[in-house]
Amino acid sequence: MQETLRIHPPIVETPRVVWDDDIIPLSKPVVGVSGKVYRELTIPRGTEVVIPSSGHNLWAIPWAYRLSTFTYLM
């Protein structure tokens, strides 16, 4: 049951609204289309942020070798 819910979550995303301005540091710099280098993201108050459950449930780092494979848990 747990693996089924991880691979096919019943709730596919969780929307949230930012209450205060926030700055999120990036682990690696990102180069934008204009060539500007971004080292952090500035998120203003009132911005809607969507957290995709299906995306982070299949993210390779925490799940390692079990990323897209179904593992029977008994």
N, C-alpha and C. Protein backbone atom coordinates (compact mmCIF):
# COMPACT_ATOMS: atom_id res chain seq x y z
N MET A 1 0.82 -1.20 0.00
CA MET A 1 0.00 0.00 0.00
C MET A 1 0.86 1.26 0.00
N GLN A 2 1.93 1.27 0.82
CA GLN A 2 2.77 2.46 0.91
C GLN A 2 3.46 2.77 -0.42
N GLU A 3 3.97 1.73 -1.10
CA GLU A 3 4.63 1.95 -2.37
C GLU A 3 3.64 2.42 -3.44
N THR A 4 2.43 1.90 -3.41
CA THR A 4 1.42 2.34 -4.35
C THR A 4 1.14 3.82 -4.15
N LEU A 5 1.01 4.27 -2.92
CA LEU A 5 0.74 5.67 -2.65
C LEU A 5 1.94 6.56 -2.98
N ARG A 6 3.15 6.02 -2.85
CA ARG A 6 4.33 6.82 -3.21
C ARG A 6 4.39 7.05 -4.72
N ILE A 7 4.15 6.00 -5.50
CA ILE A 7 4.26 6.11 -6.95
C ILE A 7 3.01 6.77 -7.56
N HIS A 8 1.84 6.54 -6.97
CA HIS A 8 0.58 7.12 -7.46
C HIS A 8 -0.14 7.81 -6.31
N PRO A 9 0.32 9.00 -5.90
CA PRO A 9 -0.29 9.66 -4.74
C PRO A 9 -1.73 10.11 -5.01
N PRO A 10 -2.60 10.03 -4.00
CA PRO A 10 -3.99 10.46 -4.19
C PRO A 10 -4.11 11.98 -4.32
N ILE A 11 -3.18 12.71 -3.77
CA ILE A 11 -3.15 14.17 -3.90
C ILE A 11 -1.90 14.51 -4.69
N VAL A 12 -2.07 15.06 -5.89
CA VAL A 12 -0.93 15.26 -6.77
C VAL A 12 -0.17 16.56 -6.52
N GLU A 13 -0.80 17.53 -5.85
CA GLU A 13 -0.10 18.77 -5.54
C GLU A 13 -0.73 19.45 -4.34
N THR A 14 0.09 20.28 -3.67
CA THR A 14 -0.37 21.02 -2.50
C THR A 14 -0.09 22.50 -2.73
N PRO A 15 -1.12 23.30 -2.98
CA PRO A 15 -0.89 24.74 -3.17
C PRO A 15 -0.74 25.46 -1.83
N ARG A 16 0.15 26.42 -1.77
CA ARG A 16 0.37 27.24 -0.58
C ARG A 16 0.54 28.68 -1.01
N VAL A 17 0.23 29.62 -0.12
CA VAL A 17 0.44 31.05 -0.37
C VAL A 17 1.49 31.55 0.62
N VAL A 18 2.48 32.26 0.10
CA VAL A 18 3.56 32.80 0.93
C VAL A 18 3.03 33.95 1.76
N TRP A 19 3.23 33.90 3.09
CA TRP A 19 2.72 34.94 3.99
C TRP A 19 3.67 36.11 4.15
N ASP A 20 4.97 35.85 4.08
CA ASP A 20 5.99 36.90 4.21
C ASP A 20 6.99 36.77 3.07
N ASP A 21 7.60 37.90 2.70
CA ASP A 21 8.68 37.84 1.70
C ASP A 21 9.74 36.86 2.18
N ASP A 22 10.30 36.12 1.25
CA ASP A 22 11.29 35.12 1.63
C ASP A 22 12.38 35.04 0.58
N ILE A 23 13.57 34.64 1.00
CA ILE A 23 14.69 34.41 0.10
C ILE A 23 15.16 32.98 0.31
N ILE A 24 15.18 32.22 -0.78
CA ILE A 24 15.57 30.81 -0.71
C ILE A 24 16.92 30.65 -1.41
N PRO A 25 17.97 30.25 -0.68
CA PRO A 25 19.27 30.04 -1.32
C PRO A 25 19.25 28.78 -2.19
N LEU A 26 19.96 28.82 -3.31
CA LEU A 26 20.06 27.68 -4.20
C LEU A 26 21.34 26.90 -3.90
N SER A 27 21.30 25.59 -4.03
CA SER A 27 22.49 24.78 -3.75
C SER A 27 23.56 25.00 -4.83
N LYS A 28 23.13 25.30 -6.05
CA LYS A 28 24.05 25.60 -7.16
C LYS A 28 23.53 26.82 -7.90
N PRO A 29 24.41 27.71 -8.35
CA PRO A 29 23.95 28.87 -9.13
C PRO A 29 23.27 28.44 -10.42
N VAL A 30 22.28 29.22 -10.84
CA VAL A 30 21.56 28.96 -12.08
C VAL A 30 21.77 30.15 -12.99
N VAL A 31 22.09 29.90 -14.26
CA VAL A 31 22.27 30.97 -15.24
C VAL A 31 20.97 31.13 -16.01
N GLY A 32 20.41 32.35 -15.96
CA GLY A 32 19.17 32.64 -16.67
C GLY A 32 19.39 32.82 -18.16
N VAL A 33 18.30 32.99 -18.90
CA VAL A 33 18.35 33.16 -20.35
C VAL A 33 19.17 34.40 -20.71
N SER A 34 19.08 35.45 -19.92
CA SER A 34 19.81 36.69 -20.19
C SER A 34 21.28 36.60 -19.83
N GLY A 35 21.69 35.50 -19.18
CA GLY A 35 23.07 35.34 -18.77
C GLY A 35 23.31 35.72 -17.31
N LYS A 36 22.28 36.24 -16.65
CA LYS A 36 22.41 36.61 -15.24
C LYS A 36 22.51 35.35 -14.38
N VAL A 37 23.39 35.39 -13.38
CA VAL A 37 23.58 34.25 -12.48
C VAL A 37 22.73 34.45 -11.23
N TYR A 38 21.92 33.45 -10.91
CA TYR A 38 21.06 33.49 -9.72
C TYR A 38 21.61 32.55 -8.66
N ARG A 39 21.80 33.07 -7.45
CA ARG A 39 22.28 32.25 -6.33
C ARG A 39 21.18 32.05 -5.28
N GLU A 40 20.06 32.75 -5.47
CA GLU A 40 18.93 32.65 -4.54
C GLU A 40 17.66 33.03 -5.27
N LEU A 41 16.54 32.61 -4.73
CA LEU A 41 15.23 32.97 -5.27
C LEU A 41 14.54 33.90 -4.29
N THR A 42 14.02 34.99 -4.79
CA THR A 42 13.25 35.91 -3.96
C THR A 42 11.77 35.64 -4.23
N ILE A 43 11.03 35.30 -3.18
CA ILE A 43 9.61 35.00 -3.32
C ILE A 43 8.82 36.05 -2.53
N PRO A 44 8.08 36.91 -3.24
CA PRO A 44 7.33 37.96 -2.55
C PRO A 44 6.07 37.43 -1.87
N ARG A 45 5.63 38.15 -0.85
CA ARG A 45 4.41 37.82 -0.12
C ARG A 45 3.24 37.72 -1.09
N GLY A 46 2.37 36.74 -0.88
CA GLY A 46 1.18 36.58 -1.71
C GLY A 46 1.38 35.66 -2.91
N THR A 47 2.61 35.22 -3.16
CA THR A 47 2.88 34.32 -4.27
C THR A 47 2.32 32.93 -3.96
N GLU A 48 1.65 32.33 -4.94
CA GLU A 48 1.17 30.96 -4.75
C GLU A 48 2.26 29.99 -5.17
N VAL A 49 2.60 29.07 -4.29
CA VAL A 49 3.63 28.06 -4.54
C VAL A 49 2.94 26.71 -4.56
N VAL A 50 3.22 25.90 -5.58
CA VAL A 50 2.61 24.58 -5.71
C VAL A 50 3.69 23.53 -5.45
N ILE A 51 3.43 22.63 -4.51
CA ILE A 51 4.36 21.56 -4.16
C ILE A 51 3.83 20.27 -4.80
N PRO A 52 4.53 19.76 -5.83
CA PRO A 52 4.05 18.55 -6.50
C PRO A 52 4.40 17.27 -5.74
N SER A 53 3.40 16.57 -5.25
CA SER A 53 3.63 15.32 -4.52
C SER A 53 4.24 14.26 -5.42
N SER A 54 3.74 14.16 -6.63
CA SER A 54 4.25 13.13 -7.54
C SER A 54 5.71 13.37 -7.88
N GLY A 55 6.11 14.60 -7.95
CA GLY A 55 7.51 14.92 -8.28
C GLY A 55 8.47 14.56 -7.17
N HIS A 56 8.18 14.94 -5.94
CA HIS A 56 9.13 14.64 -4.87
C HIS A 56 9.06 13.20 -4.41
N ASN A 57 7.97 12.50 -4.70
CA ASN A 57 7.92 11.07 -4.38
C ASN A 57 8.77 10.23 -5.33
N LEU A 58 9.11 10.79 -6.48
CA LEU A 58 9.95 10.08 -7.45
C LEU A 58 11.32 10.72 -7.57
N TRP A 59 11.69 11.61 -6.66
CA TRP A 59 12.99 12.28 -6.67
C TRP A 59 14.06 11.26 -6.31
N ALA A 60 15.13 11.20 -7.06
CA ALA A 60 16.14 10.15 -6.93
C ALA A 60 16.91 10.15 -5.61
N ILE A 61 17.20 11.30 -5.04
CA ILE A 61 18.07 11.33 -3.87
C ILE A 61 17.51 10.57 -2.66
N PRO A 62 16.31 10.85 -2.17
CA PRO A 62 15.87 10.11 -0.98
C PRO A 62 15.49 8.65 -1.26
N TRP A 63 15.10 8.35 -2.50
CA TRP A 63 14.63 6.99 -2.79
C TRP A 63 15.72 6.11 -3.38
N ALA A 64 16.84 6.69 -3.79
CA ALA A 64 18.01 5.96 -4.30
C ALA A 64 17.63 4.95 -5.37
N TYR A 65 17.95 3.69 -5.16
CA TYR A 65 17.74 2.66 -6.18
C TYR A 65 16.25 2.34 -6.41
N ARG A 66 15.37 2.70 -5.46
CA ARG A 66 13.95 2.36 -5.59
C ARG A 66 13.16 3.44 -6.31
N LEU A 67 13.81 4.32 -7.00
CA LEU A 67 13.18 5.49 -7.60
C LEU A 67 11.86 5.19 -8.32
N SER A 68 11.91 4.42 -9.37
CA SER A 68 10.69 4.17 -10.14
C SER A 68 10.27 2.71 -10.12
N THR A 69 10.85 1.95 -9.21
CA THR A 69 10.47 0.54 -9.12
C THR A 69 9.51 0.32 -7.98
N PHE A 70 8.62 -0.57 -8.19
CA PHE A 70 7.65 -0.92 -7.15
C PHE A 70 8.26 -1.97 -6.24
N THR A 71 8.32 -1.69 -4.95
CA THR A 71 8.89 -2.61 -3.98
C THR A 71 7.78 -3.15 -3.07
N TYR A 72 7.63 -4.44 -3.06
CA TYR A 72 6.60 -5.05 -2.22
C TYR A 72 7.07 -5.02 -0.77
N LEU A 73 6.29 -4.45 0.11
CA LEU A 73 6.61 -4.40 1.54
C LEU A 73 5.66 -5.32 2.27
N MET A 74 6.21 -6.30 2.97
CA MET A 74 5.35 -7.25 3.69
C MET A 74 5.72 -7.27 5.15
